[in-house]
C-alpha atoms as a PDB file:
ATOM      1  CA  UNK A   1     101.300  77.275  86.580  1.00  0.00           C
ATOM      2  CA  UNK A   2      98.416  79.663  86.835  1.00  0.00           C
ATOM      3  CA  UNK A   3      96.555  80.462  89.991  1.00  0.00           C
ATOM      4  CA  UNK A   4      94.246  82.957  91.623  1.00  0.00           C
ATOM      5  CA  UNK A   5      94.656  84.563  95.017  1.00  0.00           C
ATOM      6  CA  UNK A   6      91.729  86.403  96.577  1.00  0.00           C
ATOM      7  CA  UNK A   7      92.638  89.613  98.379  1.00  0.00           C
ATOM      8  CA  UNK A   8      90.825  92.193 100.403  1.00  0.00           C
ATOM      9  CA  UNK A   9      90.664  95.384  98.350  1.00  0.00           C
ATOM     10  CA  UNK A  10      92.409  97.293 101.152  1.00  0.00           C
ATOM     11  CA  UNK A  11      95.467  94.983 101.331  1.00  0.00           C
ATOM     12  CA  UNK A  12      98.934  96.018 100.215  1.00  0.00           C
ATOM     13  CA  UNK A  13      98.908  94.334  96.812  1.00  0.00           C
ATOM     14  CA  UNK A  14     102.552  95.071  96.004  1.00  0.00           C
ATOM     15  CA  UNK A  15     103.736  93.424  99.231  1.00  0.00           C
ATOM     16  CA  UNK A  16     101.670  90.286  98.628  1.00  0.00           C
ATOM     17  CA  UNK A  17     102.865  90.068  95.035  1.00  0.00           C
ATOM     18  CA  UNK A  18     106.494  90.372  96.196  1.00  0.00           C
ATOM     19  CA  UNK A  19     105.956  87.649  98.822  1.00  0.00           C
ATOM     20  CA  UNK A  20     104.494  85.283  96.231  1.00  0.00           C
ATOM     21  CA  UNK A  21     107.360  85.994  93.835  1.00  0.00           C
ATOM     22  CA  UNK A  22     109.904  85.300  96.600  1.00  0.00           C
ATOM     23  CA  UNK A  23     108.114  82.060  97.487  1.00  0.00           C
ATOM     24  CA  UNK A  24     108.268  80.968  93.834  1.00  0.00           C
ATOM     25  CA  UNK A  25     111.973  81.902  93.583  1.00  0.00           C
ATOM     26  CA  UNK A  26     112.850  80.104  96.821  1.00  0.00           C
ATOM     27  CA  UNK A  27     110.999  76.960  95.689  1.00  0.00           C
ATOM     28  CA  UNK A  28     112.812  77.095  92.356  1.00  0.00           C
ATOM     29  CA  UNK A  29     116.213  77.302  94.067  1.00  0.00           C
ATOM     30  CA  UNK A  30     115.333  74.361  96.335  1.00  0.00           C
ATOM     31  CA  UNK A  31     114.335  72.327  93.257  1.00  0.00           C
ATOM     32  CA  UNK A  32     117.717  73.176  91.712  1.00  0.00           C
ATOM     33  CA  UNK A  33     119.454  71.777  94.854  1.00  0.00           C
ATOM     34  CA  UNK A  34     121.066  75.119  95.669  1.00  0.00           C
ATOM     35  CA  UNK A  35     121.909  75.225  99.404  1.00  0.00           C
ATOM     36  CA  UNK A  36     119.886  78.158 100.708  1.00  0.00           C
ATOM     37  CA  UNK A  37     118.415  76.561 103.849  1.00  0.00           C
ATOM     38  CA  UNK A  38     120.836  78.318 106.213  1.00  0.00           C
ATOM     39  CA  UNK A  39     120.356  81.592 104.389  1.00  0.00           C
ATOM     40  CA  UNK A  40     116.642  81.628 103.653  1.00  0.00           C
ATOM     41  CA  UNK A  41     114.824  79.711 106.372  1.00  0.00           C
ATOM     42  CA  UNK A  42     111.295  80.981 105.783  1.00  0.00           C
ATOM     43  CA  UNK A  43     109.394  83.449 103.653  1.00  0.00           C
ATOM     44  CA  UNK A  44     110.504  86.577 105.469  1.00  0.00           C
ATOM     45  CA  UNK A  45     112.142  89.237 103.327  1.00  0.00           C
ATOM     46  CA  UNK A  46     115.899  88.899 103.118  1.00  0.00           C
ATOM     47  CA  UNK A  47     118.167  91.427 104.787  1.00  0.00           C
ATOM     48  CA  UNK A  48     120.887  93.247 102.850  1.00  0.00           C
ATOM     49  CA  UNK A  49     123.535  90.840 104.174  1.00  0.00           C
ATOM     50  CA  UNK A  50     121.425  87.835 103.184  1.00  0.00           C
ATOM     51  CA  UNK A  51     120.912  89.256  99.686  1.00  0.00           C
ATOM     52  CA  UNK A  52     124.670  89.698  99.296  1.00  0.00           C
ATOM     53  CA  UNK A  53     125.245  86.067 100.363  1.00  0.00           C
ATOM     54  CA  UNK A  54     122.479  84.885  98.036  1.00  0.00           C
ATOM     55  CA  UNK A  55     124.080  86.713  95.116  1.00  0.00           C
ATOM     56  CA  UNK A  56     127.384  85.003  95.894  1.00  0.00           C
ATOM     57  CA  UNK A  57     125.678  81.584  96.051  1.00  0.00           C
ATOM     58  CA  UNK A  58     123.892  82.217  92.740  1.00  0.00           C
ATOM     59  CA  UNK A  59     127.199  83.174  91.104  1.00  0.00           C
ATOM     60  CA  UNK A  60     128.853  80.019  92.463  1.00  0.00           C
ATOM     61  CA  UNK A  61     126.077  77.815  91.053  1.00  0.00           C
ATOM     62  CA  UNK A  62     125.950  79.707  87.733  1.00  0.00           C
ATOM     63  CA  UNK A  63     122.419  81.040  88.164  1.00  0.00           C
ATOM     64  CA  UNK A  64     121.389  84.392  86.731  1.00  0.00           C
ATOM     65  CA  UNK A  65     118.211  86.222  87.692  1.00  0.00           C
ATOM     66  CA  UNK A  66     116.715  88.926  85.491  1.00  0.00           C
ATOM     67  CA  UNK A  67     114.097  90.793  87.520  1.00  0.00           C
ATOM     68  CA  UNK A  68     112.754  93.852  85.748  1.00  0.00           C
ATOM     69  CA  UNK A  69     110.899  96.687  87.401  1.00  0.00           C
ATOM     70  CA  UNK A  70     107.646  95.716  85.718  1.00  0.00           C
ATOM     71  CA  UNK A  71     107.181  92.536  87.781  1.00  0.00           C
ATOM     72  CA  UNK A  72     108.590  90.009  85.294  1.00  0.00           C
ATOM     73  CA  UNK A  73     111.395  87.679  86.407  1.00  0.00           C
ATOM     74  CA  UNK A  74     113.442  85.071  84.521  1.00  0.00           C
ATOM     75  CA  UNK A  75     115.879  82.605  86.092  1.00  0.00           C
ATOM     76  CA  UNK A  76     118.652  81.072  83.966  1.00  0.00           C
ATOM     77  CA  UNK A  77     121.190  78.338  84.647  1.00  0.00           C
ATOM     78  CA  UNK A  78     124.498  78.291  82.759  1.00  0.00           C
ATOM     79  CA  UNK A  79     126.006  74.864  82.081  1.00  0.00           C
ATOM     80  CA  UNK A  80     129.726  74.106  81.787  1.00  0.00           C
ATOM     81  CA  UNK A  81     129.801  75.020  78.104  1.00  0.00           C
ATOM     82  CA  UNK A  82     128.279  78.440  78.830  1.00  0.00           C
ATOM     83  CA  UNK A  83     124.878  77.663  77.357  1.00  0.00           C
ATOM     84  CA  UNK A  84     121.996  79.242  79.235  1.00  0.00           C
ATOM     85  CA  UNK A  85     118.823  77.347  80.094  1.00  0.00           C
ATOM     86  CA  UNK A  86     115.662  79.092  81.229  1.00  0.00           C
ATOM     87  CA  UNK A  87     114.600  77.233  84.382  1.00  0.00           C
ATOM     88  CA  UNK A  88     111.839  79.488  85.668  1.00  0.00           C
ATOM     89  CA  UNK A  89     109.770  82.514  84.827  1.00  0.00           C
ATOM     90  CA  UNK A  90     107.400  84.740  86.797  1.00  0.00           C
ATOM     91  CA  UNK A  91     105.025  86.878  84.774  1.00  0.00           C
ATOM     92  CA  UNK A  92     103.544  90.138  85.948  1.00  0.00           C
ATOM     93  CA  UNK A  93     100.385  89.557  87.970  1.00  0.00           C
ATOM     94  CA  UNK A  94      97.052  90.836  86.741  1.00  0.00           C
ATOM     95  CA  UNK A  95      94.174  91.981  88.906  1.00  0.00           C
ATOM     96  CA  UNK A  96      90.405  92.039  88.697  1.00  0.00           C
ATOM     97  CA  UNK A  97      88.262  94.060  91.060  1.00  0.00           C
ATOM     98  CA  UNK A  98      85.138  92.100  91.923  1.00  0.00           C
ATOM     99  CA  UNK A  99      82.059  92.636  94.044  1.00  0.00           C
ATOM    100  CA  UNK A 100      80.241  90.052  96.150  1.00  0.00           C
ATOM    101  CA  UNK A 101      76.718  91.345  96.707  1.00  0.00           C
ATOM    102  CA  UNK A 102      75.967  88.464  99.100  1.00  0.00           C
ATOM    103  CA  UNK A 103      78.132  90.142 101.727  1.00  0.00           C
ATOM    104  CA  UNK A 104      76.076  92.354 104.013  1.00  0.00           C
ATOM    105  CA  UNK A 105      79.010  94.471 105.120  1.00  0.00           C
ATOM    106  CA  UNK A 106      79.781  96.998 102.337  1.00  0.00           C
ATOM    107  CA  UNK A 107      83.477  96.915 103.342  1.00  0.00           C
ATOM    108  CA  UNK A 108      83.611  93.210 102.461  1.00  0.00           C
ATOM    109  CA  UNK A 109      81.749  93.420  99.156  1.00  0.00           C
ATOM    110  CA  UNK A 110      84.758  94.525  97.120  1.00  0.00           C
ATOM    111  CA  UNK A 111      87.712  92.177  96.672  1.00  0.00           C
ATOM    112  CA  UNK A 112      90.581  91.609  94.261  1.00  0.00           C
ATOM    113  CA  UNK A 113      91.492  88.540  92.280  1.00  0.00           C
ATOM    114  CA  UNK A 114      95.250  88.396  91.797  1.00  0.00           C
ATOM    115  CA  UNK A 115      96.062  86.143  88.865  1.00  0.00           C
ATOM    116  CA  UNK A 116      99.500  84.552  89.187  1.00  0.00           C
ATOM    117  CA  UNK A 117     101.249  83.119  86.138  1.00  0.00           C
ATOM    118  CA  UNK A 118     104.599  81.402  86.659  1.00  0.00           C
ATOM    119  CA  UNK A 119     106.498  78.613  84.972  1.00  0.00           C
ATOM    120  CA  UNK A 120     109.200  76.240  86.100  1.00  0.00           C
ATOM    121  CA  UNK A 121     111.219  73.641  84.231  1.00  0.00           C
ATOM    122  CA  UNK A 122     110.663  71.296  87.164  1.00  0.00           C
ATOM    123  CA  UNK A 123     106.871  71.517  86.881  1.00  0.00           C
ATOM    124  CA  UNK A 124     107.078  70.299  83.296  1.00  0.00           C
ATOM    125  CA  UNK A 125     109.298  67.376  84.327  1.00  0.00           C
ATOM    126  CA  UNK A 126     106.845  66.359  87.072  1.00  0.00           C
ATOM    127  CA  UNK A 127     103.889  66.330  84.672  1.00  0.00           C
ATOM    128  CA  UNK A 128     105.785  64.363  82.016  1.00  0.00           C
ATOM    129  CA  UNK A 129     106.878  61.747  84.567  1.00  0.00           C
ATOM    130  CA  UNK A 130     103.331  61.172  85.843  1.00  0.00           C
END
């Protein structure tokens, strides 16, 4: 799924990108029927204790997350035979600085377009069933 998020040029881009990545990851875990409702009730960042519990839950349900420092994340599920299946992927976001000359306030003329590119196995199943 690709999408665009419009941001004020003064916003904390890294924080917004992390929030969107967490929202994608949480949605993916819900789609996989992994019980995280008690642990992760809303989109607030997880505490250290919650992250430790989440890691334990992911190990129990045979889910592995590879999140590199460059912004790319892959989520794998391991079946009973040990085969891994890629169930979701978040690609590094790209940005475009744009200017809206229709805005009278010079502070509002500049804005960012954050292009989000993520993929989920469940999205493909929904489109093939329709």
